[in-house]
Amino acid sequence: MPATTTNAILIERLGPPEALVEREVPLPALGEDGVQLEVHAAGVNFADLLQRAGLYGTVPPRPYSPGFEVAGEVVAVGSRVKDWRVGDRAVALLKHGGYARDVVVSARQLFRYPDALTPVQAAAVPVVFLTGWVCLFEAARARAGETALILGAGGGVGTAAVQLAVRRGLKVIGTAGSPRKREFVVAELGAEACCDSTGDWESKVRERRPAGVDVALDPVGGRATASCRRLMASLGRIVMYGLSEAIPGDRRHWIKAAAAYLRTPRFHPLALFEQNIGIFGVQLLHLWDRRDVLEPALAEIYRGVEKRELRPVIDRTFPLDRDGAVMAHRYLHERRNLGKVVLAV
């Protein structure tokens, strides 16, 4: 019989990583269109840290479990579910709840992944690669031959976006905060260059592209966004998908968060058309219902992974329990990760 309760890591109060707790919680009713998945691996994303710190806009009432993506095995299906059977392997995209041993989701939230991938590899793909895909190809409409500036190129989304851009024939310039990450982005992922994000990277990019860059992916905000704007070529596009400058430490700090918000430029439409640039914002959580966009994109991404044209860059795995989640959050706060962090059974 499928489980009716599960162990989940919860956000009961806001605070540092140690604020996370583990509880036994009831599972939702399966319903006619539901699928129950035994979770084998769950992706960890920077947005999870923002939720725990109280700096994420769309969250359910506490207590709740963070986590947007899991990989596992189907253990029960609703009476109207036709495309999934017990024993199938799947990844699920969630609005929350992924830090758990079991999840119940609508069948529309499930996607297949190649047999050649482990659950850890499968769980490391959806959020970072879909974010990179949507930013580059849906929002910015990036094309072969253009130059893409990818901030945070050594992180989860960054390593995915660099690969996607290079695969489509774009010329990539990244930024990253450590020599190890910068070398990896160039030598292993194929970027043309990777600048020191802790230094004057704007000048370095300008030296390489005096006429500016065509696309900038910006998860940082604040002064970084102002630099991206100054670096835009005519008809350039900035895609913002985060504000990591708002949480430089491991907990919410209203003064620093407000400063990051205020340092982020405001874009008046008149200024945009005078400069011939565009600004786009992407939050993948609000696209979960766009299966028409996500399903073909994720299928293409997994095909690329299966062909070894793309690869999930996995830095570390931690146990799928409270202690593991605390260590994973701490690791991300310290910006130590090169690529993705995953919780695994």
Protein backbone atom coordinates (compact mmCIF):
# COMPACT_ATOMS: atom_id res chain seq x y z
CA MET A 1 0.00 0.00 0.00
CA PRO A 2 1.26 3.52 -0.78
CA ALA A 3 2.23 5.60 2.22
CA THR A 4 -0.35 7.99 3.66
CA THR A 5 2.25 10.05 5.53
CA THR A 6 5.78 11.08 4.71
CA ASN A 7 8.81 12.72 6.23
CA ALA A 8 9.31 16.28 4.98
CA ILE A 9 11.78 19.07 5.69
CA LEU A 10 9.74 22.15 6.57
CA ILE A 11 10.06 25.89 6.89
CA GLU A 12 8.18 26.55 10.14
CA ARG A 13 9.87 29.88 10.84
CA LEU A 14 12.15 32.22 8.92
CA GLY A 15 15.83 32.23 9.71
CA PRO A 16 19.21 30.68 8.89
CA PRO A 17 19.53 27.13 7.50
CA GLU A 18 19.30 25.67 11.01
CA ALA A 19 15.69 26.88 11.15
CA LEU A 20 14.68 23.96 8.91
CA VAL A 21 12.92 21.08 10.71
CA GLU A 22 11.87 17.56 9.76
CA ARG A 23 8.37 16.30 10.53
CA GLU A 24 6.05 13.47 9.63
CA VAL A 25 3.21 15.01 7.64
CA PRO A 26 0.06 13.60 6.00
CA LEU A 27 0.07 13.21 2.24
CA PRO A 28 -2.74 14.83 0.23
CA ALA A 29 -5.47 12.60 -1.13
CA LEU A 30 -4.51 11.07 -4.46
CA GLY A 31 -7.59 12.15 -6.40
CA GLU A 32 -8.64 10.96 -9.85
CA ASP A 33 -5.86 12.84 -11.66
CA GLY A 34 -3.14 12.46 -9.04
CA VAL A 35 0.10 10.51 -8.97
CA GLN A 36 2.09 9.58 -5.89
CA LEU A 37 5.85 9.59 -6.34
CA GLU A 38 8.39 8.05 -4.01
CA VAL A 39 11.16 10.64 -4.07
CA HIS A 40 14.71 9.45 -4.72
CA ALA A 41 16.33 12.86 -5.28
CA ALA A 42 15.34 16.52 -4.92
CA GLY A 43 17.03 19.52 -6.47
CA VAL A 44 18.14 22.43 -4.29
CA ASN A 45 17.88 25.93 -5.77
CA PHE A 46 18.81 29.40 -4.59
CA ALA A 47 15.11 30.25 -4.52
CA ASP A 48 14.75 27.70 -1.68
CA LEU A 49 17.15 29.83 0.37
CA LEU A 50 15.15 32.96 -0.40
CA GLN A 51 11.96 31.20 0.75
CA ARG A 52 13.56 30.16 4.03
CA ALA A 53 14.84 33.70 4.59
CA GLY A 54 11.44 35.27 3.82
CA LEU A 55 12.54 37.02 0.63
CA TYR A 56 10.53 35.04 -1.92
CA GLY A 57 7.28 36.51 -3.14
CA THR A 58 5.06 33.49 -3.81
CA VAL A 59 4.91 31.03 -0.93
CA PRO A 60 2.15 29.08 0.84
CA PRO A 61 1.36 29.61 4.53
CA ARG A 62 3.97 28.13 6.87
CA PRO A 63 4.76 25.40 7.66
CA TYR A 64 5.56 24.15 4.18
CA SER A 65 8.30 22.24 2.45
CA PRO A 66 10.48 23.98 -0.15
CA GLY A 67 11.63 22.25 -3.31
CA PHE A 68 10.58 22.70 -6.93
CA GLU A 69 11.84 19.49 -8.55
CA VAL A 70 12.11 15.83 -7.64
CA ALA A 71 12.93 12.55 -9.35
CA GLY A 72 11.50 9.25 -8.21
CA GLU A 73 9.25 6.28 -8.86
CA VAL A 74 5.49 6.19 -9.30
CA VAL A 75 3.84 4.21 -6.50
CA ALA A 76 0.15 5.06 -7.05
CA VAL A 77 -2.00 6.63 -9.77
CA GLY A 78 -5.51 8.07 -9.79
CA SER A 79 -8.36 6.41 -11.64
CA ARG A 80 -8.25 8.83 -14.57
CA VAL A 81 -4.49 8.72 -15.09
CA LYS A 82 -3.68 6.90 -18.34
CA ASP A 83 -0.08 7.79 -19.17
CA TRP A 84 1.61 6.67 -15.95
CA ARG A 85 1.88 3.29 -14.25
CA VAL A 86 3.23 2.08 -10.93
CA GLY A 87 6.97 1.56 -11.29
CA ASP A 88 7.51 4.31 -13.88
CA ARG A 89 10.38 6.72 -13.26
CA ALA A 90 9.55 10.40 -13.47
CA VAL A 91 10.55 13.91 -12.57
CA ALA A 92 7.96 16.23 -11.08
CA LEU A 93 7.83 20.02 -11.11
CA LEU A 94 6.23 21.51 -8.00
CA LYS A 95 5.43 24.96 -6.63
CA HIS A 96 6.65 23.69 -3.24
CA GLY A 97 6.97 20.44 -1.31
CA GLY A 98 9.95 18.75 -2.92
CA TYR A 99 12.00 18.24 0.26
CA ALA A 100 10.06 15.08 1.17
CA ARG A 101 10.26 11.31 0.84
CA ASP A 102 6.94 11.20 -1.05
CA VAL A 103 4.90 13.72 -3.04
CA VAL A 104 1.42 13.69 -4.55
CA VAL A 105 1.07 15.75 -7.72
CA SER A 106 -1.19 16.12 -10.72
CA ALA A 107 -0.19 13.89 -13.62
CA ARG A 108 0.37 17.12 -15.61
CA GLN A 109 3.32 17.91 -13.35
CA LEU A 110 5.20 14.73 -14.31
CA PHE A 111 7.78 14.37 -17.07
CA ARG A 112 9.76 11.39 -18.30
CA TYR A 113 13.54 11.27 -18.26
CA PRO A 114 16.03 8.97 -20.05
CA ASP A 115 16.75 5.57 -18.57
CA ALA A 116 20.46 6.28 -18.76
CA LEU A 117 20.20 8.95 -16.05
CA THR A 118 20.27 8.31 -12.32
CA PRO A 119 17.59 10.01 -10.18
CA VAL A 120 20.24 12.47 -8.93
CA GLN A 121 21.15 13.43 -12.48
CA ALA A 122 17.50 13.67 -13.48
CA ALA A 123 16.62 15.89 -10.51
CA ALA A 124 19.55 18.19 -11.31
CA VAL A 125 18.14 19.10 -14.72
CA PRO A 126 14.62 20.63 -14.73
CA VAL A 127 14.81 23.94 -12.87
CA VAL A 128 18.27 25.09 -13.96
CA PHE A 129 18.02 24.00 -17.59
CA LEU A 130 14.44 25.18 -18.04
CA THR A 131 15.32 28.53 -16.48
CA GLY A 132 18.27 28.88 -18.84
CA TRP A 133 16.15 27.76 -21.79
CA VAL A 134 13.28 30.16 -21.09
CA CYS A 135 15.64 33.08 -20.44
CA LEU A 136 17.69 32.50 -23.59
CA PHE A 137 15.24 31.19 -26.15
CA GLU A 138 11.74 32.22 -25.04
CA ALA A 139 12.41 35.61 -23.42
CA ALA A 140 15.56 36.86 -25.20
CA ARG A 141 15.03 34.89 -28.44
CA ALA A 142 18.81 34.43 -28.60
CA ARG A 143 20.21 33.38 -31.97
CA ALA A 144 23.40 31.79 -33.23
CA GLY A 145 26.24 34.25 -33.61
CA GLU A 146 25.01 36.59 -30.88
CA THR A 147 26.94 37.23 -27.67
CA ALA A 148 25.37 36.21 -24.37
CA LEU A 149 26.65 37.56 -21.04
CA ILE A 150 25.77 35.07 -18.31
CA LEU A 151 26.23 36.29 -14.74
CA GLY A 152 26.86 33.59 -12.14
CA ALA A 153 28.08 31.24 -14.86
CA GLY A 154 29.47 28.79 -12.28
CA GLY A 155 26.15 28.25 -10.51
CA GLY A 156 23.33 25.85 -11.25
CA VAL A 157 21.44 27.95 -13.80
CA GLY A 158 24.69 29.49 -15.03
CA THR A 159 26.34 26.18 -15.97
CA ALA A 160 23.14 25.08 -17.70
CA ALA A 161 22.69 28.37 -19.57
CA VAL A 162 26.29 28.41 -20.79
CA GLN A 163 25.87 24.93 -22.26
CA LEU A 164 22.54 25.76 -23.89
CA ALA A 165 23.92 28.94 -25.42
CA VAL A 166 27.09 27.31 -26.74
CA ARG A 167 25.05 24.43 -28.17
CA ARG A 168 22.93 26.94 -30.12
CA GLY A 169 25.99 28.69 -31.55
CA LEU A 170 26.10 31.74 -29.27
CA LYS A 171 29.35 33.29 -28.06
CA VAL A 172 29.33 33.28 -24.27
CA ILE A 173 31.04 35.51 -21.75
CA GLY A 174 30.42 34.54 -18.14
CA THR A 175 31.15 35.88 -14.69
CA ALA A 176 32.08 33.80 -11.64
CA GLY A 177 33.63 34.44 -8.25
CA SER A 178 36.50 31.94 -8.05
CA PRO A 179 39.35 30.90 -10.36
CA ARG A 180 38.14 27.28 -10.22
CA LYS A 181 34.70 28.25 -11.50
CA ARG A 182 36.05 30.60 -14.17
CA GLU A 183 38.40 27.97 -15.52
CA PHE A 184 35.64 25.35 -15.57
CA VAL A 185 33.21 27.62 -17.44
CA VAL A 186 35.76 28.20 -20.20
CA ALA A 187 37.60 24.87 -20.37
CA GLU A 188 34.70 22.50 -19.71
CA LEU A 189 31.59 24.36 -20.85
CA GLY A 190 32.93 26.21 -23.87
CA ALA A 191 32.53 29.87 -22.91
CA GLU A 192 34.75 32.34 -24.75
CA ALA A 193 35.74 34.00 -21.46
CA CYS A 194 34.70 34.17 -17.81
CA CYS A 195 35.37 37.34 -15.80
CA ASP A 196 35.85 37.76 -12.07
CA SER A 197 32.46 38.68 -10.62
CA THR A 198 34.16 40.19 -7.56
CA GLY A 199 36.15 42.64 -9.70
CA ASP A 200 35.51 45.12 -12.51
CA TRP A 201 33.96 42.62 -14.87
CA GLU A 202 32.06 45.32 -16.75
CA SER A 203 35.31 46.80 -18.11
CA LYS A 204 36.60 43.34 -19.04
CA VAL A 205 33.44 42.58 -21.01
CA ARG A 206 33.62 46.00 -22.69
CA GLU A 207 37.18 45.30 -23.79
CA ARG A 208 36.01 42.12 -25.50
CA ARG A 209 32.81 43.57 -26.93
CA PRO A 210 33.23 47.33 -27.52
CA ALA A 211 29.87 47.42 -29.33
CA GLY A 212 28.14 45.64 -26.45
CA VAL A 213 26.49 42.26 -25.89
CA ASP A 214 23.22 41.04 -27.35
CA VAL A 215 21.80 39.15 -24.36
CA ALA A 216 22.47 39.35 -20.62
CA LEU A 217 21.16 36.84 -18.07
CA ASP A 218 21.06 38.53 -14.68
CA PRO A 219 20.20 36.69 -11.42
CA VAL A 220 22.04 39.26 -9.29
CA GLY A 221 20.27 42.62 -9.50
CA GLY A 222 21.53 45.83 -7.97
CA ARG A 223 24.69 47.24 -9.50
CA ALA A 224 25.06 44.20 -11.74
CA THR A 225 21.86 45.13 -13.58
CA ALA A 226 23.16 48.64 -14.14
CA SER A 227 26.34 47.17 -15.63
CA CYS A 228 24.30 44.91 -17.92
CA ARG A 229 22.35 47.90 -19.16
CA ARG A 230 25.49 49.83 -19.98
CA LEU A 231 26.86 46.81 -21.84
CA MET A 232 23.82 46.35 -24.08
CA ALA A 233 24.28 46.54 -27.82
CA SER A 234 21.50 48.01 -29.95
CA LEU A 235 18.52 45.64 -29.78
CA GLY A 236 20.09 43.96 -26.75
CA ARG A 237 17.92 42.12 -24.22
CA ILE A 238 18.39 41.85 -20.45
CA VAL A 239 16.64 38.92 -18.77
CA MET A 240 16.39 39.14 -14.98
CA TYR A 241 15.54 36.00 -13.04
CA GLY A 242 16.72 36.73 -9.50
CA LEU A 243 18.02 39.23 -6.96
CA SER A 244 20.80 37.35 -5.19
CA GLU A 245 22.39 40.62 -4.04
CA ALA A 246 19.45 40.90 -1.60
CA ILE A 247 20.74 37.98 0.49
CA PRO A 248 24.54 38.18 0.82
CA GLY A 249 24.42 36.21 4.11
CA ASP A 250 22.40 33.26 5.39
CA ARG A 251 19.33 35.11 6.61
CA ARG A 252 17.10 38.04 5.84
CA HIS A 253 18.60 41.48 6.44
CA TRP A 254 16.07 44.13 5.55
CA ILE A 255 18.57 46.97 5.15
CA LYS A 256 20.75 44.97 2.75
CA ALA A 257 17.71 43.66 0.89
CA ALA A 258 16.31 47.18 0.55
CA ALA A 259 19.68 48.48 -0.63
CA ALA A 260 19.87 45.79 -3.33
CA TYR A 261 16.33 46.65 -4.42
CA LEU A 262 17.08 50.37 -4.59
CA ARG A 263 20.35 49.84 -6.46
CA THR A 264 18.55 47.90 -9.19
CA PRO A 265 17.82 50.34 -12.05
CA ARG A 266 14.30 51.41 -12.97
CA PHE A 267 13.51 51.20 -16.66
CA HIS A 268 11.18 53.79 -18.16
CA PRO A 269 9.71 52.77 -21.54
CA LEU A 270 10.96 55.98 -23.16
CA ALA A 271 14.53 55.21 -22.07
CA LEU A 272 14.22 51.70 -23.48
CA PHE A 273 13.26 52.74 -26.96
CA GLU A 274 15.83 55.54 -27.03
CA GLN A 275 18.52 52.90 -26.33
CA ASN A 276 16.80 50.17 -28.42
CA ILE A 277 16.98 47.55 -25.68
CA GLY A 278 14.50 45.25 -23.98
CA ILE A 279 14.01 44.02 -20.42
CA PHE A 280 12.36 40.71 -19.50
CA GLY A 281 11.65 39.08 -16.15
CA VAL A 282 11.43 35.30 -15.69
CA GLN A 283 10.18 33.33 -12.69
CA LEU A 284 9.91 29.68 -13.63
CA LEU A 285 7.54 28.94 -10.74
CA HIS A 286 4.85 30.95 -12.54
CA LEU A 287 5.33 28.95 -15.74
CA TRP A 288 4.53 25.49 -14.36
CA ASP A 289 1.15 25.63 -16.12
CA ARG A 290 2.75 26.38 -19.51
CA ARG A 291 3.21 22.75 -20.42
CA ASP A 292 3.14 23.78 -24.09
CA VAL A 293 6.46 25.56 -23.45
CA LEU A 294 8.03 23.36 -20.81
CA GLU A 295 7.31 19.86 -22.14
CA PRO A 296 9.03 20.23 -25.54
CA ALA A 297 11.87 22.21 -23.97
CA LEU A 298 12.51 19.60 -21.28
CA ALA A 299 12.27 16.78 -23.81
CA GLU A 300 14.89 18.51 -25.97
CA ILE A 301 17.09 19.13 -22.95
CA TYR A 302 16.96 15.49 -21.86
CA ARG A 303 17.72 14.44 -25.46
CA GLY A 304 20.78 16.67 -25.32
CA VAL A 305 21.82 15.09 -22.03
CA GLU A 306 21.30 11.59 -23.42
CA LYS A 307 23.48 12.46 -26.44
CA ARG A 308 26.08 13.98 -24.10
CA GLU A 309 25.70 17.35 -25.78
CA LEU A 310 24.50 18.71 -22.43
CA ARG A 311 25.27 17.54 -18.91
CA PRO A 312 23.97 18.35 -15.45
CA VAL A 313 26.91 19.77 -13.54
CA ILE A 314 26.45 18.30 -10.05
CA ASP A 315 28.73 19.66 -7.38
CA ARG A 316 27.56 17.69 -4.35
CA THR A 317 24.75 15.56 -3.01
CA PHE A 318 23.53 15.71 0.57
CA PRO A 319 21.14 13.34 2.38
CA LEU A 320 17.43 13.94 1.91
CA ASP A 321 16.84 14.75 5.57
CA ARG A 322 16.95 17.80 7.82
CA ASP A 323 20.70 17.70 8.41
CA GLY A 324 21.38 17.26 4.73
CA ALA A 325 19.12 20.17 3.81
CA VAL A 326 20.82 22.41 6.37
CA MET A 327 24.25 21.53 4.96
CA ALA A 328 23.05 22.07 1.40
CA HIS A 329 21.62 25.50 2.20
CA ARG A 330 24.78 26.46 4.05
CA TYR A 331 26.88 25.32 1.08
CA LEU A 332 24.88 27.48 -1.33
CA HIS A 333 24.94 30.50 0.97
CA GLU A 334 28.73 30.31 1.00
CA ARG A 335 28.69 30.30 -2.85
CA ARG A 336 30.87 27.19 -2.81
CA ASN A 337 28.89 25.26 -5.40
CA LEU A 338 30.10 24.76 -8.94
CA GLY A 339 26.87 23.74 -10.60
CA LYS A 340 23.99 21.98 -8.89
CA VAL A 341 23.37 20.68 -5.37
CA VAL A 342 20.97 17.76 -4.88
CA LEU A 343 19.39 16.00 -1.89
CA ALA A 344 19.29 12.22 -2.33
CA VAL A 345 18.00 9.18 -0.48
